[in-house]
C-alpha atoms as a PDB file:
ATOM      1  CA  MET A   1      -6.719 -52.201  52.600  1.00  0.00           C
ATOM      2  CA  ILE A   2      -8.719 -55.254  53.596  1.00  0.00           C
ATOM      3  CA  ARG A   3     -12.370 -54.842  54.416  1.00  0.00           C
ATOM      4  CA  LYS A   4     -15.616 -56.772  54.533  1.00  0.00           C
ATOM      5  CA  ALA A   5     -16.967 -57.509  51.056  1.00  0.00           C
ATOM      6  CA  ARG A   6     -20.182 -55.782  50.024  1.00  0.00           C
ATOM      7  CA  THR A   7     -22.721 -56.730  47.375  1.00  0.00           C
ATOM      8  CA  SER A   8     -21.597 -53.575  45.539  1.00  0.00           C
ATOM      9  CA  ASP A   9     -18.224 -55.341  45.052  1.00  0.00           C
ATOM     10  CA  ALA A  10     -19.905 -58.133  43.098  1.00  0.00           C
ATOM     11  CA  GLU A  11     -18.992 -56.884  39.625  1.00  0.00           C
ATOM     12  CA  LYS A  12     -15.295 -56.529  40.513  1.00  0.00           C
ATOM     13  CA  ILE A  13     -15.236 -59.882  42.308  1.00  0.00           C
ATOM     14  CA  CYS A  14     -16.999 -61.443  39.343  1.00  0.00           C
ATOM     15  CA  SER A  15     -14.386 -60.163  36.922  1.00  0.00           C
ATOM     16  CA  ILE A  16     -11.665 -61.786  39.040  1.00  0.00           C
ATOM     17  CA  TYR A  17     -13.502 -65.094  39.378  1.00  0.00           C
ATOM     18  CA  ASN A  18     -14.763 -65.315  35.794  1.00  0.00           C
ATOM     19  CA  TYR A  19     -11.180 -65.187  34.530  1.00  0.00           C
ATOM     20  CA  TYR A  20     -10.523 -68.443  36.413  1.00  0.00           C
ATOM     21  CA  ILE A  21     -13.772 -69.999  35.180  1.00  0.00           C
ATOM     22  CA  GLU A  22     -12.988 -69.207  31.555  1.00  0.00           C
ATOM     23  CA  ASN A  23      -9.222 -69.797  31.491  1.00  0.00           C
ATOM     24  CA  THR A  24      -8.192 -72.292  34.172  1.00  0.00           C
ATOM     25  CA  VAL A  25      -9.063 -75.537  35.892  1.00  0.00           C
ATOM     26  CA  ILE A  26      -8.590 -73.918  39.318  1.00  0.00           C
ATOM     27  CA  THR A  27     -12.353 -73.697  39.704  1.00  0.00           C
ATOM     28  CA  PHE A  28     -14.652 -76.434  38.497  1.00  0.00           C
ATOM     29  CA  GLU A  29     -17.372 -73.975  37.571  1.00  0.00           C
ATOM     30  CA  GLU A  30     -17.716 -73.765  33.810  1.00  0.00           C
ATOM     31  CA  VAL A  31     -20.228 -70.972  33.250  1.00  0.00           C
ATOM     32  CA  PRO A  32     -19.244 -67.373  34.064  1.00  0.00           C
ATOM     33  CA  LEU A  33     -21.234 -65.713  36.828  1.00  0.00           C
ATOM     34  CA  SER A  34     -23.208 -62.516  36.495  1.00  0.00           C
ATOM     35  CA  ALA A  35     -22.647 -59.683  38.948  1.00  0.00           C
ATOM     36  CA  ARG A  36     -26.171 -60.354  40.207  1.00  0.00           C
ATOM     37  CA  GLY A  37     -25.326 -64.023  40.865  1.00  0.00           C
ATOM     38  CA  MET A  38     -22.144 -63.058  42.703  1.00  0.00           C
ATOM     39  CA  ALA A  39     -23.998 -60.465  44.780  1.00  0.00           C
ATOM     40  CA  LYS A  40     -26.430 -63.203  45.816  1.00  0.00           C
ATOM     41  CA  ARG A  41     -23.528 -65.431  46.901  1.00  0.00           C
ATOM     42  CA  ILE A  42     -22.000 -62.609  48.935  1.00  0.00           C
ATOM     43  CA  LYS A  43     -25.352 -61.827  50.548  1.00  0.00           C
ATOM     44  CA  ASP A  44     -26.323 -65.446  51.208  1.00  0.00           C
ATOM     45  CA  THR A  45     -23.039 -66.710  52.673  1.00  0.00           C
ATOM     46  CA  GLY A  46     -21.756 -63.365  53.935  1.00  0.00           C
ATOM     47  CA  LYS A  47     -24.459 -63.101  56.558  1.00  0.00           C
ATOM     48  CA  ASP A  48     -23.071 -66.193  58.327  1.00  0.00           C
ATOM     49  CA  PHE A  49     -19.444 -66.438  57.200  1.00  0.00           C
ATOM     50  CA  PRO A  50     -16.688 -63.917  56.448  1.00  0.00           C
ATOM     51  CA  TRP A  51     -16.178 -62.463  52.959  1.00  0.00           C
ATOM     52  CA  ILE A  52     -13.298 -59.997  52.679  1.00  0.00           C
ATOM     53  CA  VAL A  53     -11.692 -58.064  49.835  1.00  0.00           C
ATOM     54  CA  TYR A  54      -8.230 -56.602  49.292  1.00  0.00           C
ATOM     55  CA  VAL A  55      -8.462 -53.114  47.794  1.00  0.00           C
ATOM     56  CA  GLU A  56      -5.554 -51.106  46.412  1.00  0.00           C
ATOM     57  CA  GLY A  57      -5.873 -47.857  44.502  1.00  0.00           C
ATOM     58  CA  GLY A  58      -9.646 -48.208  44.552  1.00  0.00           C
ATOM     59  CA  GLN A  59      -9.479 -51.598  42.826  1.00  0.00           C
ATOM     60  CA  VAL A  60     -10.483 -54.962  44.276  1.00  0.00           C
ATOM     61  CA  LEU A  61      -7.426 -57.126  43.595  1.00  0.00           C
ATOM     62  CA  GLY A  62      -8.437 -60.175  45.593  1.00  0.00           C
ATOM     63  CA  TYR A  63     -10.994 -61.700  47.874  1.00  0.00           C
ATOM     64  CA  ALA A  64     -11.373 -64.501  50.375  1.00  0.00           C
ATOM     65  CA  TYR A  65     -14.390 -66.109  51.944  1.00  0.00           C
ATOM     66  CA  THR A  66     -15.584 -69.146  53.832  1.00  0.00           C
ATOM     67  CA  THR A  67     -18.527 -71.472  53.530  1.00  0.00           C
ATOM     68  CA  LYS A  68     -19.791 -74.526  55.356  1.00  0.00           C
ATOM     69  CA  TRP A  69     -17.568 -77.474  54.613  1.00  0.00           C
ATOM     70  CA  LYS A  70     -20.414 -79.977  54.969  1.00  0.00           C
ATOM     71  CA  THR A  71     -24.054 -79.483  55.898  1.00  0.00           C
ATOM     72  CA  ARG A  72     -24.520 -82.059  58.657  1.00  0.00           C
ATOM     73  CA  SER A  73     -24.578 -80.588  62.152  1.00  0.00           C
ATOM     74  CA  ALA A  74     -21.422 -82.238  63.501  1.00  0.00           C
ATOM     75  CA  TYR A  75     -19.373 -80.417  60.826  1.00  0.00           C
ATOM     76  CA  ARG A  76     -20.492 -76.969  62.050  1.00  0.00           C
ATOM     77  CA  HIS A  77     -17.075 -76.139  63.517  1.00  0.00           C
ATOM     78  CA  THR A  78     -15.280 -76.672  60.187  1.00  0.00           C
ATOM     79  CA  LEU A  79     -15.321 -74.281  57.238  1.00  0.00           C
ATOM     80  CA  GLU A  80     -13.967 -74.306  53.702  1.00  0.00           C
ATOM     81  CA  SER A  81     -11.877 -71.289  52.739  1.00  0.00           C
ATOM     82  CA  THR A  82     -11.403 -69.809  49.291  1.00  0.00           C
ATOM     83  CA  VAL A  83      -9.019 -67.141  47.963  1.00  0.00           C
ATOM     84  CA  TYR A  84      -8.975 -65.626  44.478  1.00  0.00           C
ATOM     85  CA  LEU A  85      -6.689 -62.895  43.174  1.00  0.00           C
ATOM     86  CA  HIS A  86      -6.830 -60.779  40.053  1.00  0.00           C
ATOM     87  CA  HIS A  87      -4.645 -62.711  37.614  1.00  0.00           C
ATOM     88  CA  ASP A  88      -2.271 -59.726  37.272  1.00  0.00           C
ATOM     89  CA  ALA A  89      -1.893 -59.508  41.079  1.00  0.00           C
ATOM     90  CA  VAL A  90      -0.732 -63.082  41.697  1.00  0.00           C
ATOM     91  CA  GLY A  91       2.611 -63.382  43.493  1.00  0.00           C
ATOM     92  CA  LYS A  92       2.428 -59.988  45.200  1.00  0.00           C
ATOM     93  CA  GLY A  93       1.562 -61.197  48.703  1.00  0.00           C
ATOM     94  CA  ILE A  94      -2.131 -60.367  48.522  1.00  0.00           C
ATOM     95  CA  GLY A  95      -3.235 -63.934  49.282  1.00  0.00           C
ATOM     96  CA  THR A  96      -1.003 -63.868  52.354  1.00  0.00           C
ATOM     97  CA  LYS A  97      -2.560 -60.592  53.506  1.00  0.00           C
ATOM     98  CA  LEU A  98      -6.054 -61.980  53.012  1.00  0.00           C
ATOM     99  CA  TYR A  99      -5.295 -65.146  55.014  1.00  0.00           C
ATOM    100  CA  LYS A 100      -3.548 -63.108  57.738  1.00  0.00           C
ATOM    101  CA  THR A 101      -6.897 -61.359  58.192  1.00  0.00           C
ATOM    102  CA  LEU A 102      -9.314 -64.220  57.543  1.00  0.00           C
ATOM    103  CA  LEU A 103      -7.801 -67.043  59.609  1.00  0.00           C
ATOM    104  CA  PRO A 104      -7.622 -65.137  62.928  1.00  0.00           C
ATOM    105  CA  MET A 105     -11.261 -64.083  62.389  1.00  0.00           C
ATOM    106  CA  LEU A 106     -12.255 -67.738  62.130  1.00  0.00           C
ATOM    107  CA  LYS A 107     -10.251 -68.749  65.187  1.00  0.00           C
ATOM    108  CA  LYS A 108     -11.755 -65.884  67.210  1.00  0.00           C
ATOM    109  CA  LYS A 109     -15.263 -66.988  66.187  1.00  0.00           C
ATOM    110  CA  GLY A 110     -14.521 -70.422  67.627  1.00  0.00           C
ATOM    111  CA  TYR A 111     -14.133 -72.479  64.472  1.00  0.00           C
ATOM    112  CA  HIS A 112     -11.965 -75.556  64.944  1.00  0.00           C
ATOM    113  CA  ALA A 113     -10.791 -76.410  61.422  1.00  0.00           C
ATOM    114  CA  VAL A 114     -10.525 -74.909  57.953  1.00  0.00           C
ATOM    115  CA  VAL A 115     -10.317 -76.933  54.749  1.00  0.00           C
ATOM    116  CA  GLY A 116      -8.870 -75.767  51.448  1.00  0.00           C
ATOM    117  CA  CYS A 117      -9.963 -77.698  48.368  1.00  0.00           C
ATOM    118  CA  LEU A 118      -7.434 -77.268  45.552  1.00  0.00           C
ATOM    119  CA  ALA A 119      -7.293 -78.405  41.963  1.00  0.00           C
ATOM    120  CA  ILE A 120      -3.911 -80.071  41.548  1.00  0.00           C
ATOM    121  CA  PRO A 121      -1.400 -79.011  40.437  1.00  0.00           C
ATOM    122  CA  ASN A 122      -1.743 -75.493  41.828  1.00  0.00           C
ATOM    123  CA  LYS A 123       1.690 -74.430  43.021  1.00  0.00           C
ATOM    124  CA  GLY A 124       0.682 -70.956  44.247  1.00  0.00           C
ATOM    125  CA  SER A 125      -2.336 -72.031  46.245  1.00  0.00           C
ATOM    126  CA  THR A 126      -0.506 -75.026  47.687  1.00  0.00           C
ATOM    127  CA  ALA A 127       2.315 -72.737  48.850  1.00  0.00           C
ATOM    128  CA  LEU A 128      -0.146 -70.237  50.344  1.00  0.00           C
ATOM    129  CA  HIS A 129      -1.980 -72.881  52.350  1.00  0.00           C
ATOM    130  CA  GLU A 130       1.178 -74.570  53.580  1.00  0.00           C
ATOM    131  CA  LYS A 131       2.645 -71.192  54.580  1.00  0.00           C
ATOM    132  CA  PHE A 132      -0.217 -70.895  57.086  1.00  0.00           C
ATOM    133  CA  GLY A 133       0.182 -74.413  58.451  1.00  0.00           C
ATOM    134  CA  PHE A 134      -2.398 -76.245  56.356  1.00  0.00           C
ATOM    135  CA  LYS A 135      -1.448 -79.902  55.859  1.00  0.00           C
ATOM    136  CA  LYS A 136      -2.397 -81.996  52.852  1.00  0.00           C
ATOM    137  CA  VAL A 137      -4.824 -84.642  54.080  1.00  0.00           C
ATOM    138  CA  ALA A 138      -6.342 -86.052  50.882  1.00  0.00           C
ATOM    139  CA  HIS A 139      -5.682 -86.467  47.178  1.00  0.00           C
ATOM    140  CA  PHE A 140      -8.462 -87.513  44.805  1.00  0.00           C
ATOM    141  CA  LYS A 141      -7.443 -88.634  41.316  1.00  0.00           C
ATOM    142  CA  GLU A 142      -9.317 -87.363  38.255  1.00  0.00           C
ATOM    143  CA  VAL A 143     -12.506 -86.244  40.028  1.00  0.00           C
ATOM    144  CA  GLY A 144     -13.102 -83.186  37.836  1.00  0.00           C
ATOM    145  CA  LEU A 145     -13.357 -82.843  34.065  1.00  0.00           C
ATOM    146  CA  LYS A 146     -12.866 -79.420  32.522  1.00  0.00           C
ATOM    147  CA  PHE A 147     -11.648 -78.378  29.090  1.00  0.00           C
ATOM    148  CA  GLY A 148     -11.519 -82.089  28.184  1.00  0.00           C
ATOM    149  CA  LYS A 149      -8.928 -82.778  30.878  1.00  0.00           C
ATOM    150  CA  TRP A 150      -9.252 -84.866  34.060  1.00  0.00           C
ATOM    151  CA  ILE A 151      -8.203 -82.935  37.152  1.00  0.00           C
ATOM    152  CA  ASP A 152      -7.052 -84.127  40.571  1.00  0.00           C
ATOM    153  CA  VAL A 153      -8.212 -82.450  43.766  1.00  0.00           C
ATOM    154  CA  GLY A 154      -6.429 -82.199  47.095  1.00  0.00           C
ATOM    155  CA  TYR A 155      -7.669 -81.199  50.525  1.00  0.00           C
ATOM    156  CA  TRP A 156      -5.503 -79.169  52.877  1.00  0.00           C
ATOM    157  CA  GLU A 157      -6.599 -78.815  56.502  1.00  0.00           C
ATOM    158  CA  LEU A 158      -5.732 -76.363  59.255  1.00  0.00           C
ATOM    159  CA  VAL A 159      -6.785 -77.187  62.815  1.00  0.00           C
ATOM    160  CA  PHE A 160      -6.695 -74.308  65.291  1.00  0.00           C
END
């Protein structure tokens, strides 16, 4: 089941996200979030932009959300999308289900473009974005440093 995320989901969402903070370079955050901090993010961005969760057997196995891509007014029709899955649920089609729900919501709300910002290499996320028609539009070399390693970042864009 996919539904709107609630602040009461924060602890489960946090456990998914903190795995990536602590074990991967997929996110450039380096300090794990508290459930309270995640609830604030859901509340603050969720009032203006979609946050959704994938629930199976009573467990949140993934989530997706959008935020402003840039703050200047002319960018208001473009959002940045994010998808995270429980590390044991990767490769089971959950990301696809989340994007099949999220992207039509954005189009219906009148957004013009969606940007995915990916640490590279990230085979799974690259495949997910390209499956939905996102095109790679930028590649930045060594713009992030995590775990003592320089990381490239790519931007994928979908225009409705």
